[in-house]
Amino acid sequence: MQITWRRVMSVKVSALTRSLFFSFMSYLFVLFVIIVLDTFSRKDFDFGRAAALSAVYIAALVVLFAVMVLVFRKRLKE
């Protein structure tokens, strides 16, 4: 059985999902910068502190993106 590229790429991704994904990736880059700045300011990498920063930041992002998805879907249905 031959699998063609067209068949593999036939998954449809909405424009909203794609834009939110790229936005989420850019926010993760901001998280990386925050962790780097924190590490250099303290002159030592503390995994517990970086994990706590990441957990709070990602939890806030998840809430923000959940609200954005609800608002955008409601606006797109109008």
PDB file of N, CA and C in Angstrom:
ATOM      1  N   MET A   1       0.840  -1.175   0.000  1.00  0.00           N
ATOM      2  CA  MET A   1       0.000   0.000   0.000  1.00  0.00           C
ATOM      3  C   MET A   1       0.886   1.239   0.000  1.00  0.00           C
ATOM      4  N   GLN A   2       0.637   2.118  -0.905  1.00  0.00           N
ATOM      5  CA  GLN A   2       1.434   3.327  -1.033  1.00  0.00           C
ATOM      6  C   GLN A   2       0.707   4.492  -0.366  1.00  0.00           C
ATOM      7  N   ILE A   3       1.419   5.165   0.527  1.00  0.00           N
ATOM      8  CA  ILE A   3       0.859   6.332   1.201  1.00  0.00           C
ATOM      9  C   ILE A   3       1.407   7.564   0.510  1.00  0.00           C
ATOM     10  N   THR A   4       0.517   8.363   0.002  1.00  0.00           N
ATOM     11  CA  THR A   4       0.961   9.573  -0.691  1.00  0.00           C
ATOM     12  C   THR A   4       0.990  10.740   0.281  1.00  0.00           C
ATOM     13  N   TRP A   5       1.749  11.753  -0.086  1.00  0.00           N
ATOM     14  CA  TRP A   5       1.877  12.956   0.746  1.00  0.00           C
ATOM     15  C   TRP A   5       0.527  13.647   0.867  1.00  0.00           C
ATOM     16  N   ARG A   6      -0.244  13.629  -0.197  1.00  0.00           N
ATOM     17  CA  ARG A   6      -1.555  14.273  -0.181  1.00  0.00           C
ATOM     18  C   ARG A   6      -2.462  13.621   0.861  1.00  0.00           C
ATOM     19  N   ARG A   7      -2.408  12.309   0.988  1.00  0.00           N
ATOM     20  CA  ARG A   7      -3.242  11.609   1.957  1.00  0.00           C
ATOM     21  C   ARG A   7      -2.802  11.944   3.385  1.00  0.00           C
ATOM     22  N   VAL A   8      -1.516  12.024   3.617  1.00  0.00           N
ATOM     23  CA  VAL A   8      -1.015  12.335   4.946  1.00  0.00           C
ATOM     24  C   VAL A   8      -1.382  13.763   5.332  1.00  0.00           C
ATOM     25  N   MET A   9      -1.300  14.689   4.414  1.00  0.00           N
ATOM     26  CA  MET A   9      -1.549  16.093   4.699  1.00  0.00           C
ATOM     27  C   MET A   9      -3.020  16.490   4.532  1.00  0.00           C
ATOM     28  N   SER A  10      -3.902  15.511   4.438  1.00  0.00           N
ATOM     29  CA  SER A  10      -5.304  15.832   4.204  1.00  0.00           C
ATOM     30  C   SER A  10      -6.044  16.252   5.473  1.00  0.00           C
ATOM     31  N   VAL A  11      -5.354  16.261   6.603  1.00  0.00           N
ATOM     32  CA  VAL A  11      -5.976  16.695   7.847  1.00  0.00           C
ATOM     33  C   VAL A  11      -6.245  18.189   7.752  1.00  0.00           C
ATOM     34  N   LYS A  12      -7.481  18.570   7.967  1.00  0.00           N
ATOM     35  CA  LYS A  12      -7.849  19.978   7.868  1.00  0.00           C
ATOM     36  C   LYS A  12      -7.688  20.641   9.231  1.00  0.00           C
ATOM     37  N   VAL A  13      -6.955  21.710   9.243  1.00  0.00           N
ATOM     38  CA  VAL A  13      -6.755  22.479  10.464  1.00  0.00           C
ATOM     39  C   VAL A  13      -7.346  23.864  10.212  1.00  0.00           C
ATOM     40  N   SER A  14      -8.216  24.271  11.103  1.00  0.00           N
ATOM     41  CA  SER A  14      -8.849  25.571  10.904  1.00  0.00           C
ATOM     42  C   SER A  14      -7.824  26.690  11.079  1.00  0.00           C
ATOM     43  N   ALA A  15      -8.141  27.812  10.498  1.00  0.00           N
ATOM     44  CA  ALA A  15      -7.243  28.971  10.590  1.00  0.00           C
ATOM     45  C   ALA A  15      -7.120  29.433  12.037  1.00  0.00           C
ATOM     46  N   LEU A  16      -8.209  29.327  12.801  1.00  0.00           N
ATOM     47  CA  LEU A  16      -8.176  29.715  14.208  1.00  0.00           C
ATOM     48  C   LEU A  16      -7.210  28.827  14.993  1.00  0.00           C
ATOM     49  N   THR A  17      -7.282  27.529  14.781  1.00  0.00           N
ATOM     50  CA  THR A  17      -6.395  26.594  15.483  1.00  0.00           C
ATOM     51  C   THR A  17      -4.942  26.852  15.128  1.00  0.00           C
ATOM     52  N   ARG A  18      -4.685  27.070  13.849  1.00  0.00           N
ATOM     53  CA  ARG A  18      -3.311  27.314  13.405  1.00  0.00           C
ATOM     54  C   ARG A  18      -2.764  28.603  14.001  1.00  0.00           C
ATOM     55  N   SER A  19      -3.570  29.671  13.996  1.00  0.00           N
ATOM     56  CA  SER A  19      -3.073  30.932  14.553  1.00  0.00           C
ATOM     57  C   SER A  19      -2.870  30.856  16.047  1.00  0.00           C
ATOM     58  N   LEU A  20      -3.764  30.166  16.749  1.00  0.00           N
ATOM     59  CA  LEU A  20      -3.582  30.022  18.195  1.00  0.00           C
ATOM     60  C   LEU A  20      -2.354  29.168  18.515  1.00  0.00           C
ATOM     61  N   PHE A  21      -2.075  28.157  17.686  1.00  0.00           N
ATOM     62  CA  PHE A  21      -0.883  27.335  17.892  1.00  0.00           C
ATOM     63  C   PHE A  21       0.390  28.171  17.765  1.00  0.00           C
ATOM     64  N   PHE A  22       0.495  28.977  16.714  1.00  0.00           N
ATOM     65  CA  PHE A  22       1.688  29.803  16.528  1.00  0.00           C
ATOM     66  C   PHE A  22       1.787  30.872  17.612  1.00  0.00           C
ATOM     67  N   SER A  23       0.666  31.378  18.056  1.00  0.00           N
ATOM     68  CA  SER A  23       0.674  32.343  19.154  1.00  0.00           C
ATOM     69  C   SER A  23       1.166  31.688  20.439  1.00  0.00           C
ATOM     70  N   PHE A  24       0.703  30.462  20.698  1.00  0.00           N
ATOM     71  CA  PHE A  24       1.135  29.735  21.887  1.00  0.00           C
ATOM     72  C   PHE A  24       2.641  29.466  21.836  1.00  0.00           C
ATOM     73  N   MET A  25       3.164  29.130  20.657  1.00  0.00           N
ATOM     74  CA  MET A  25       4.604  28.895  20.517  1.00  0.00           C
ATOM     75  C   MET A  25       5.392  30.174  20.795  1.00  0.00           C
ATOM     76  N   SER A  26       4.886  31.318  20.366  1.00  0.00           N
ATOM     77  CA  SER A  26       5.600  32.565  20.635  1.00  0.00           C
ATOM     78  C   SER A  26       5.570  32.894  22.130  1.00  0.00           C
ATOM     79  N   TYR A  27       4.451  32.593  22.798  1.00  0.00           N
ATOM     80  CA  TYR A  27       4.396  32.799  24.248  1.00  0.00           C
ATOM     81  C   TYR A  27       5.348  31.849  24.978  1.00  0.00           C
ATOM     82  N   LEU A  28       5.542  30.643  24.455  1.00  0.00           N
ATOM     83  CA  LEU A  28       6.512  29.736  25.071  1.00  0.00           C
ATOM     84  C   LEU A  28       7.932  30.259  24.903  1.00  0.00           C
ATOM     85  N   PHE A  29       8.205  30.938  23.793  1.00  0.00           N
ATOM     86  CA  PHE A  29       9.514  31.565  23.629  1.00  0.00           C
ATOM     87  C   PHE A  29       9.712  32.657  24.674  1.00  0.00           C
ATOM     88  N   VAL A  30       8.656  33.416  24.966  1.00  0.00           N
ATOM     89  CA  VAL A  30       8.725  34.444  26.014  1.00  0.00           C
ATOM     90  C   VAL A  30       9.018  33.786  27.363  1.00  0.00           C
ATOM     91  N   LEU A  31       8.401  32.636  27.627  1.00  0.00           N
ATOM     92  CA  LEU A  31       8.689  31.891  28.862  1.00  0.00           C
ATOM     93  C   LEU A  31      10.155  31.496  28.924  1.00  0.00           C
ATOM     94  N   PHE A  32      10.715  31.046  27.811  1.00  0.00           N
ATOM     95  CA  PHE A  32      12.128  30.686  27.760  1.00  0.00           C
ATOM     96  C   PHE A  32      12.999  31.890  28.108  1.00  0.00           C
ATOM     97  N   VAL A  33      12.671  33.050  27.559  1.00  0.00           N
ATOM     98  CA  VAL A  33      13.442  34.273  27.841  1.00  0.00           C
ATOM     99  C   VAL A  33      13.335  34.632  29.322  1.00  0.00           C
ATOM    100  N   ILE A  34      12.144  34.487  29.902  1.00  0.00           N
ATOM    101  CA  ILE A  34      11.964  34.777  31.325  1.00  0.00           C
ATOM    102  C   ILE A  34      12.835  33.858  32.174  1.00  0.00           C
ATOM    103  N   ILE A  35      12.869  32.580  31.830  1.00  0.00           N
ATOM    104  CA  ILE A  35      13.681  31.626  32.600  1.00  0.00           C
ATOM    105  C   ILE A  35      15.167  31.941  32.438  1.00  0.00           C
ATOM    106  N   VAL A  36      15.596  32.298  31.230  1.00  0.00           N
ATOM    107  CA  VAL A  36      17.003  32.648  31.000  1.00  0.00           C
ATOM    108  C   VAL A  36      17.382  33.894  31.806  1.00  0.00           C
ATOM    109  N   LEU A  37      16.532  34.921  31.765  1.00  0.00           N
ATOM    110  CA  LEU A  37      16.822  36.136  32.526  1.00  0.00           C
ATOM    111  C   LEU A  37      16.857  35.854  34.031  1.00  0.00           C
ATOM    112  N   ASP A  38      15.943  35.027  34.521  1.00  0.00           N
ATOM    113  CA  ASP A  38      15.929  34.665  35.934  1.00  0.00           C
ATOM    114  C   ASP A  38      17.194  33.897  36.304  1.00  0.00           C
ATOM    115  N   THR A  39      17.615  32.989  35.428  1.00  0.00           N
ATOM    116  CA  THR A  39      18.820  32.200  35.695  1.00  0.00           C
ATOM    117  C   THR A  39      20.053  33.089  35.739  1.00  0.00           C
ATOM    118  N   PHE A  40      20.178  34.019  34.793  1.00  0.00           N
ATOM    119  CA  PHE A  40      21.343  34.894  34.782  1.00  0.00           C
ATOM    120  C   PHE A  40      21.322  35.895  35.932  1.00  0.00           C
ATOM    121  N   SER A  41      20.148  36.334  36.341  1.00  0.00           N
ATOM    122  CA  SER A  41      20.102  37.287  37.447  1.00  0.00           C
ATOM    123  C   SER A  41      20.457  36.618  38.774  1.00  0.00           C
ATOM    124  N   ARG A  42      20.101  35.355  38.918  1.00  0.00           N
ATOM    125  CA  ARG A  42      20.437  34.631  40.151  1.00  0.00           C
ATOM    126  C   ARG A  42      21.779  33.909  40.060  1.00  0.00           C
ATOM    127  N   LYS A  43      22.368  33.865  38.866  1.00  0.00           N
ATOM    128  CA  LYS A  43      23.664  33.235  38.598  1.00  0.00           C
ATOM    129  C   LYS A  43      23.687  31.741  38.926  1.00  0.00           C
ATOM    130  N   ASP A  44      22.507  31.117  38.893  1.00  0.00           N
ATOM    131  CA  ASP A  44      22.413  29.680  39.132  1.00  0.00           C
ATOM    132  C   ASP A  44      21.050  29.202  38.634  1.00  0.00           C
ATOM    133  N   PHE A  45      21.035  28.032  38.014  1.00  0.00           N
ATOM    134  CA  PHE A  45      19.774  27.466  37.542  1.00  0.00           C
ATOM    135  C   PHE A  45      19.153  26.640  38.653  1.00  0.00           C
ATOM    136  N   ASP A  46      17.963  27.004  39.040  1.00  0.00           N
ATOM    137  CA  ASP A  46      17.211  26.282  40.060  1.00  0.00           C
ATOM    138  C   ASP A  46      16.006  25.648  39.370  1.00  0.00           C
ATOM    139  N   PHE A  47      16.032  24.318  39.257  1.00  0.00           N
ATOM    140  CA  PHE A  47      14.967  23.630  38.530  1.00  0.00           C
ATOM    141  C   PHE A  47      13.602  23.848  39.172  1.00  0.00           C
ATOM    142  N   GLY A  48      13.531  23.832  40.480  1.00  0.00           N
ATOM    143  CA  GLY A  48      12.256  24.033  41.169  1.00  0.00           C
ATOM    144  C   GLY A  48      11.666  25.400  40.874  1.00  0.00           C
ATOM    145  N   ARG A  49      12.511  26.423  40.873  1.00  0.00           N
ATOM    146  CA  ARG A  49      12.038  27.780  40.566  1.00  0.00           C
ATOM    147  C   ARG A  49      11.590  27.884  39.112  1.00  0.00           C
ATOM    148  N   ALA A  50      12.356  27.281  38.191  1.00  0.00           N
ATOM    149  CA  ALA A  50      11.988  27.318  36.772  1.00  0.00           C
ATOM    150  C   ALA A  50      10.693  26.541  36.540  1.00  0.00           C
ATOM    151  N   ALA A  51      10.520  25.425  37.230  1.00  0.00           N
ATOM    152  CA  ALA A  51       9.289  24.642  37.087  1.00  0.00           C
ATOM    153  C   ALA A  51       8.092  25.407  37.648  1.00  0.00           C
ATOM    154  N   ALA A  52       8.283  26.093  38.761  1.00  0.00           N
ATOM    155  CA  ALA A  52       7.192  26.886  39.342  1.00  0.00           C
ATOM    156  C   ALA A  52       6.813  28.044  38.422  1.00  0.00           C
ATOM    157  N   LEU A  53       7.813  28.736  37.888  1.00  0.00           N
ATOM    158  CA  LEU A  53       7.550  29.815  36.924  1.00  0.00           C
ATOM    159  C   LEU A  53       6.799  29.280  35.711  1.00  0.00           C
ATOM    160  N   SER A  54       7.241  28.145  35.202  1.00  0.00           N
ATOM    161  CA  SER A  54       6.610  27.553  34.029  1.00  0.00           C
ATOM    162  C   SER A  54       5.177  27.135  34.320  1.00  0.00           C
ATOM    163  N   ALA A  55       4.940  26.543  35.478  1.00  0.00           N
ATOM    164  CA  ALA A  55       3.593  26.087  35.820  1.00  0.00           C
ATOM    165  C   ALA A  55       2.619  27.255  35.923  1.00  0.00           C
ATOM    166  N   VAL A  56       3.028  28.320  36.580  1.00  0.00           N
ATOM    167  CA  VAL A  56       2.160  29.488  36.722  1.00  0.00           C
ATOM    168  C   VAL A  56       1.923  30.143  35.362  1.00  0.00           C
ATOM    169  N   TYR A  57       2.980  30.296  34.590  1.00  0.00           N
ATOM    170  CA  TYR A  57       2.882  30.950  33.289  1.00  0.00           C
ATOM    171  C   TYR A  57       1.998  30.149  32.330  1.00  0.00           C
ATOM    172  N   ILE A  58       2.203  28.836  32.260  1.00  0.00           N
ATOM    173  CA  ILE A  58       1.421  28.005  31.342  1.00  0.00           C
ATOM    174  C   ILE A  58      -0.026  27.899  31.804  1.00  0.00           C
ATOM    175  N   ALA A  59      -0.269  27.867  33.106  1.00  0.00           N
ATOM    176  CA  ALA A  59      -1.654  27.852  33.598  1.00  0.00           C
ATOM    177  C   ALA A  59      -2.374  29.141  33.195  1.00  0.00           C
ATOM    178  N   ALA A  60      -1.689  30.264  33.311  1.00  0.00           N
ATOM    179  CA  ALA A  60      -2.288  31.536  32.894  1.00  0.00           C
ATOM    180  C   ALA A  60      -2.532  31.544  31.377  1.00  0.00           C
ATOM    181  N   LEU A  61      -1.608  30.982  30.608  1.00  0.00           N
ATOM    182  CA  LEU A  61      -1.786  30.901  29.155  1.00  0.00           C
ATOM    183  C   LEU A  61      -2.971  30.024  28.777  1.00  0.00           C
ATOM    184  N   VAL A  62      -3.133  28.910  29.460  1.00  0.00           N
ATOM    185  CA  VAL A  62      -4.244  28.008  29.159  1.00  0.00           C
ATOM    186  C   VAL A  62      -5.575  28.710  29.415  1.00  0.00           C
ATOM    187  N   VAL A  63      -5.671  29.433  30.517  1.00  0.00           N
ATOM    188  CA  VAL A  63      -6.896  30.176  30.816  1.00  0.00           C
ATOM    189  C   VAL A  63      -7.120  31.259  29.756  1.00  0.00           C
ATOM    190  N   LEU A  64      -6.067  31.998  29.415  1.00  0.00           N
ATOM    191  CA  LEU A  64      -6.166  33.044  28.410  1.00  0.00           C
ATOM    192  C   LEU A  64      -6.609  32.477  27.056  1.00  0.00           C
ATOM    193  N   PHE A  65      -6.008  31.373  26.648  1.00  0.00           N
ATOM    194  CA  PHE A  65      -6.357  30.787  25.359  1.00  0.00           C
ATOM    195  C   PHE A  65      -7.746  30.162  25.371  1.00  0.00           C
ATOM    196  N   ALA A  66      -8.194  29.635  26.487  1.00  0.00           N
ATOM    197  CA  ALA A  66      -9.559  29.118  26.577  1.00  0.00           C
ATOM    198  C   ALA A  66     -10.574  30.240  26.381  1.00  0.00           C
ATOM    199  N   VAL A  67     -10.314  31.389  26.998  1.00  0.00           N
ATOM    200  CA  VAL A  67     -11.192  32.539  26.827  1.00  0.00           C
ATOM    201  C   VAL A  67     -11.148  33.017  25.376  1.00  0.00           C
ATOM    202  N   MET A  68      -9.954  33.070  24.791  1.00  0.00           N
ATOM    203  CA  MET A  68      -9.824  33.518  23.406  1.00  0.00           C
ATOM    204  C   MET A  68     -10.569  32.594  22.453  1.00  0.00           C
ATOM    205  N   VAL A  69     -10.491  31.297  22.659  1.00  0.00           N
ATOM    206  CA  VAL A  69     -11.188  30.348  21.790  1.00  0.00           C
ATOM    207  C   VAL A  69     -12.699  30.553  21.903  1.00  0.00           C
ATOM    208  N   LEU A  70     -13.199  30.709  23.113  1.00  0.00           N
ATOM    209  CA  LEU A  70     -14.633  30.931  23.285  1.00  0.00           C
ATOM    210  C   LEU A  70     -15.091  32.214  22.595  1.00  0.00           C
ATOM    211  N   VAL A  71     -14.343  33.283  22.776  1.00  0.00           N
ATOM    212  CA  VAL A  71     -14.709  34.570  22.167  1.00  0.00           C
ATOM    213  C   VAL A  71     -14.626  34.489  20.647  1.00  0.00           C
ATOM    214  N   PHE A  72     -13.537  33.933  20.117  1.00  0.00           N
ATOM    215  CA  PHE A  72     -13.377  33.870  18.663  1.00  0.00           C
ATOM    216  C   PHE A  72     -14.422  32.978  18.018  1.00  0.00           C
ATOM    217  N   ARG A  73     -14.734  31.848  18.646  1.00  0.00           N
ATOM    218  CA  ARG A  73     -15.757  30.965  18.062  1.00  0.00           C
ATOM    219  C   ARG A  73     -17.119  31.638  18.064  1.00  0.00           C
ATOM    220  N   LYS A  74     -17.424  32.356  19.124  1.00  0.00           N
ATOM    221  CA  LYS A  74     -18.698  33.066  19.182  1.00  0.00           C
ATOM    222  C   LYS A  74     -18.750  34.145  18.105  1.00  0.00           C
ATOM    223  N   ARG A  75     -17.650  34.872  17.927  1.00  0.00           N
ATOM    224  CA  ARG A  75     -17.596  35.938  16.914  1.00  0.00           C
ATOM    225  C   ARG A  75     -17.664  35.352  15.499  1.00  0.00           C
ATOM    226  N   LEU A  76     -17.030  34.193  15.275  1.00  0.00           N
ATOM    227  CA  LEU A  76     -17.038  33.605  13.945  1.00  0.00           C
ATOM    228  C   LEU A  76     -18.404  33.046  13.576  1.00  0.00           C
ATOM    229  N   LYS A  77     -19.196  32.647  14.563  1.00  0.00           N
ATOM    230  CA  LYS A  77     -20.532  32.127  14.276  1.00  0.00           C
ATOM    231  C   LYS A  77     -21.503  33.241  13.916  1.00  0.00           C
ATOM    232  N   GLU A  78     -21.222  34.458  14.318  1.00  0.00           N
ATOM    233  CA  GLU A  78     -22.111  35.596  14.015  1.00  0.00           C
ATOM    234  C   GLU A  78     -21.986  36.032  12.585  1.00  0.00           C
TER     235      GLU A  78
END
